[in-house]
Amino acid sequence: MPISADPAPVSPKAVGRAVIVMGVSGCGKSTLGAMLAQALDCPFLEGDSYHSAAAVEKMRGGEALTDEDRWPWLDRLGAAIAGTVTAQGVAVAACSALKRAYRDRLRAAIGVPVHFILLDNDRDELLARLGNRPGHYMPASLLDSQLATLEPPSPEEGAMILTTNVPASELRDRALAWLG
């Protein structure tokens, strides 16, 4: 039987991987994440829904979260992503993942390759977006705190950075091309 020089294509689901769309509040994480999940035919996990009630109330009150507030949230989200990858082969999540330490913690919890996509926005655009989210617990007053906390991924993290000055469908297409 001849041996093929071209290996059979391997589905991304067979390999197991996670995609995390990251950035500050209002940057479009949920929109792009949901679009990617639909394109990849996999579950989308909204990181905001893994915050504790106490953390949500703290943010709603205009108080920024501390690392101590975030660790349990990252652990819950990381476990949920890992479980989804185990069950489905691939998962897409939205998570601010503002610091490298947060991304490292997520990577350790998930246990398969994690592809981070940072959405980079202009501050004025972010403020406008935050003003158009009635009922969301994250007030625009916390934006500067998030921007100050943000540590963009370093080159060795292998993340993708997308500037959101184009339609969401173009961001999706660029991200899918990068993901392969």
Protein backbone atom coordinates (compact mmCIF):
# COMPACT_ATOMS: atom_id res chain seq x y z
CA MET A 1 0.00 0.00 0.00
CA PRO A 2 1.57 3.34 -1.03
CA ILE A 3 2.24 5.93 1.64
CA SER A 4 0.76 9.32 0.92
CA ALA A 5 3.15 12.26 1.02
CA ASP A 6 0.29 14.51 2.07
CA PRO A 7 -1.09 13.73 5.51
CA ALA A 8 -4.84 13.81 5.89
CA PRO A 9 -6.07 17.18 7.12
CA VAL A 10 -6.66 17.29 10.84
CA SER A 11 -9.71 19.09 12.13
CA PRO A 12 -8.91 21.80 14.70
CA LYS A 13 -11.46 20.04 16.92
CA ALA A 14 -9.38 16.85 16.85
CA VAL A 15 -6.32 18.68 18.15
CA GLY A 16 -7.99 20.61 20.95
CA ARG A 17 -7.51 24.33 21.32
CA ALA A 18 -9.02 27.42 22.83
CA VAL A 19 -9.42 30.92 21.47
CA ILE A 20 -9.76 33.83 23.89
CA VAL A 21 -10.79 37.23 22.57
CA MET A 22 -9.34 39.72 25.04
CA GLY A 23 -9.25 43.42 25.78
CA VAL A 24 -10.82 46.10 27.92
CA SER A 25 -14.53 46.53 28.45
CA GLY A 26 -16.41 47.66 25.37
CA CYS A 27 -13.77 46.61 22.84
CA GLY A 28 -15.99 44.04 21.10
CA LYS A 29 -14.84 40.77 22.71
CA SER A 30 -18.31 39.26 22.89
CA THR A 31 -19.24 40.24 19.35
CA LEU A 32 -16.08 38.83 17.78
CA GLY A 33 -16.04 35.82 20.09
CA ALA A 34 -19.59 34.83 19.14
CA MET A 35 -18.77 35.26 15.45
CA LEU A 36 -15.66 33.09 15.74
CA ALA A 37 -17.54 30.40 17.68
CA GLN A 38 -20.20 30.29 15.00
CA ALA A 39 -17.58 30.04 12.24
CA LEU A 40 -15.69 27.32 14.12
CA ASP A 41 -18.92 25.52 15.05
CA CYS A 42 -18.06 25.46 18.73
CA PRO A 43 -19.38 26.84 22.02
CA PHE A 44 -18.85 30.47 23.03
CA LEU A 45 -18.18 31.22 26.69
CA GLU A 46 -18.90 34.74 27.90
CA GLY A 47 -16.29 35.49 30.54
CA ASP A 48 -18.50 38.07 32.26
CA SER A 49 -20.92 35.32 33.31
CA TYR A 50 -18.19 33.65 35.42
CA HIS A 51 -17.74 36.65 37.75
CA SER A 52 -19.03 36.23 41.28
CA ALA A 53 -22.04 38.27 42.35
CA ALA A 54 -19.75 40.19 44.73
CA ALA A 55 -17.36 41.10 41.90
CA VAL A 56 -20.24 42.26 39.69
CA GLU A 57 -21.59 44.45 42.50
CA LYS A 58 -18.12 45.86 43.13
CA MET A 59 -17.78 46.86 39.45
CA ARG A 60 -21.36 48.12 39.28
CA GLY A 61 -20.44 50.39 42.19
CA GLY A 62 -17.53 51.83 40.20
CA GLU A 63 -14.77 49.97 42.05
CA ALA A 64 -12.05 48.24 40.03
CA LEU A 65 -11.34 44.59 40.75
CA THR A 66 -8.08 43.57 42.38
CA ASP A 67 -5.98 40.56 41.47
CA GLU A 68 -7.50 38.79 44.47
CA ASP A 69 -10.97 39.43 43.01
CA ARG A 70 -9.90 38.13 39.61
CA TRP A 71 -8.08 34.87 40.50
CA PRO A 72 -11.24 32.88 41.38
CA TRP A 73 -12.98 34.24 38.26
CA LEU A 74 -10.07 33.21 36.05
CA ASP A 75 -10.04 29.77 37.68
CA ARG A 76 -13.78 29.29 37.03
CA LEU A 77 -13.49 30.47 33.45
CA GLY A 78 -10.35 28.40 32.81
CA ALA A 79 -12.07 25.27 34.14
CA ALA A 80 -15.12 25.94 31.97
CA ILE A 81 -12.98 26.42 28.86
CA ALA A 82 -10.99 23.26 29.65
CA GLY A 83 -14.21 21.28 30.09
CA THR A 84 -15.61 22.61 26.84
CA VAL A 85 -12.41 21.77 24.95
CA THR A 86 -12.47 18.26 26.42
CA ALA A 87 -16.08 17.77 25.35
CA GLN A 88 -16.08 19.66 22.06
CA GLY A 89 -12.45 19.89 20.92
CA VAL A 90 -12.42 23.67 20.65
CA ALA A 91 -13.89 26.61 22.53
CA VAL A 92 -14.02 30.36 22.08
CA ALA A 93 -14.27 32.69 25.06
CA ALA A 94 -14.39 36.40 25.77
CA CYS A 95 -12.23 37.49 28.70
CA SER A 96 -10.44 40.74 29.45
CA ALA A 97 -7.21 38.83 30.30
CA LEU A 98 -5.61 42.21 30.94
CA LYS A 99 -2.32 41.01 32.46
CA ARG A 100 0.15 38.39 31.35
CA ALA A 101 -0.25 36.70 34.74
CA TYR A 102 -3.97 36.30 34.01
CA ARG A 103 -3.26 34.83 30.58
CA ASP A 104 -0.66 32.47 32.06
CA ARG A 105 -3.18 31.31 34.66
CA LEU A 106 -5.76 30.64 31.95
CA ARG A 107 -3.20 28.73 29.86
CA ALA A 108 -2.30 26.54 32.84
CA ALA A 109 -5.96 25.83 33.64
CA ILE A 110 -6.95 25.06 30.06
CA GLY A 111 -4.06 22.72 29.27
CA VAL A 112 -4.23 22.92 25.45
CA PRO A 113 -2.95 25.58 23.06
CA VAL A 114 -4.65 28.92 23.77
CA HIS A 115 -4.78 31.57 21.07
CA PHE A 116 -5.28 35.08 22.43
CA ILE A 117 -6.69 37.82 20.19
CA LEU A 118 -6.39 41.34 21.62
CA LEU A 119 -8.88 43.90 20.35
CA ASP A 120 -7.21 47.30 20.34
CA ASN A 121 -9.48 50.34 20.37
CA ASP A 122 -9.20 54.09 20.66
CA ARG A 123 -10.22 55.37 24.13
CA ASP A 124 -12.89 57.69 22.70
CA GLU A 125 -14.43 54.83 20.72
CA LEU A 126 -14.44 52.67 23.84
CA LEU A 127 -16.20 55.39 25.83
CA ALA A 128 -18.83 55.72 23.10
CA ARG A 129 -19.41 51.96 23.08
CA LEU A 130 -19.67 51.80 26.86
CA GLY A 131 -22.25 54.57 26.75
CA ASN A 132 -24.37 52.44 24.42
CA ARG A 133 -24.65 49.46 26.79
CA PRO A 134 -27.59 50.26 29.05
CA GLY A 135 -27.95 47.87 31.94
CA HIS A 136 -24.41 46.47 31.75
CA TYR A 137 -22.73 46.39 35.15
CA MET A 138 -19.38 47.74 33.92
CA PRO A 139 -19.47 51.55 34.09
CA ALA A 140 -17.48 53.74 31.73
CA SER A 141 -15.79 55.22 34.81
CA LEU A 142 -13.69 52.03 35.11
CA LEU A 143 -12.29 52.25 31.57
CA ASP A 144 -9.18 54.21 32.53
CA SER A 145 -8.42 51.67 35.26
CA GLN A 146 -8.64 48.85 32.73
CA LEU A 147 -6.49 50.70 30.21
CA ALA A 148 -3.87 51.29 32.92
CA THR A 149 -3.94 47.59 33.89
CA LEU A 150 -3.71 46.28 30.31
CA GLU A 151 -0.42 44.56 29.48
CA PRO A 152 -0.57 43.89 25.74
CA PRO A 153 0.70 40.42 24.85
CA SER A 154 4.44 40.24 24.26
CA PRO A 155 5.77 38.74 21.02
CA GLU A 156 6.68 35.45 22.72
CA GLU A 157 3.02 34.98 23.70
CA GLY A 158 2.17 34.58 20.03
CA ALA A 159 -1.08 36.53 20.28
CA MET A 160 -2.85 38.38 17.51
CA ILE A 161 -3.60 42.09 17.90
CA LEU A 162 -6.48 43.49 15.88
CA THR A 163 -7.26 47.19 15.62
CA THR A 164 -11.02 47.50 15.56
CA ASN A 165 -11.32 50.23 12.96
CA VAL A 166 -12.90 47.82 10.45
CA PRO A 167 -16.23 45.94 10.40
CA ALA A 168 -16.58 42.98 12.77
CA SER A 169 -16.89 40.60 9.81
CA GLU A 170 -13.42 41.66 8.63
CA LEU A 171 -12.00 41.13 12.12
CA ARG A 172 -13.57 37.65 12.10
CA ASP A 173 -12.04 36.84 8.72
CA ARG A 174 -8.59 38.05 9.79
CA ALA A 175 -8.79 36.04 13.01
CA LEU A 176 -9.90 32.89 11.18
CA ALA A 177 -7.05 33.24 8.69
CA TRP A 178 -4.58 33.61 11.58
CA LEU A 179 -6.04 30.61 13.40
CA GLY A 180 -5.67 28.51 10.26
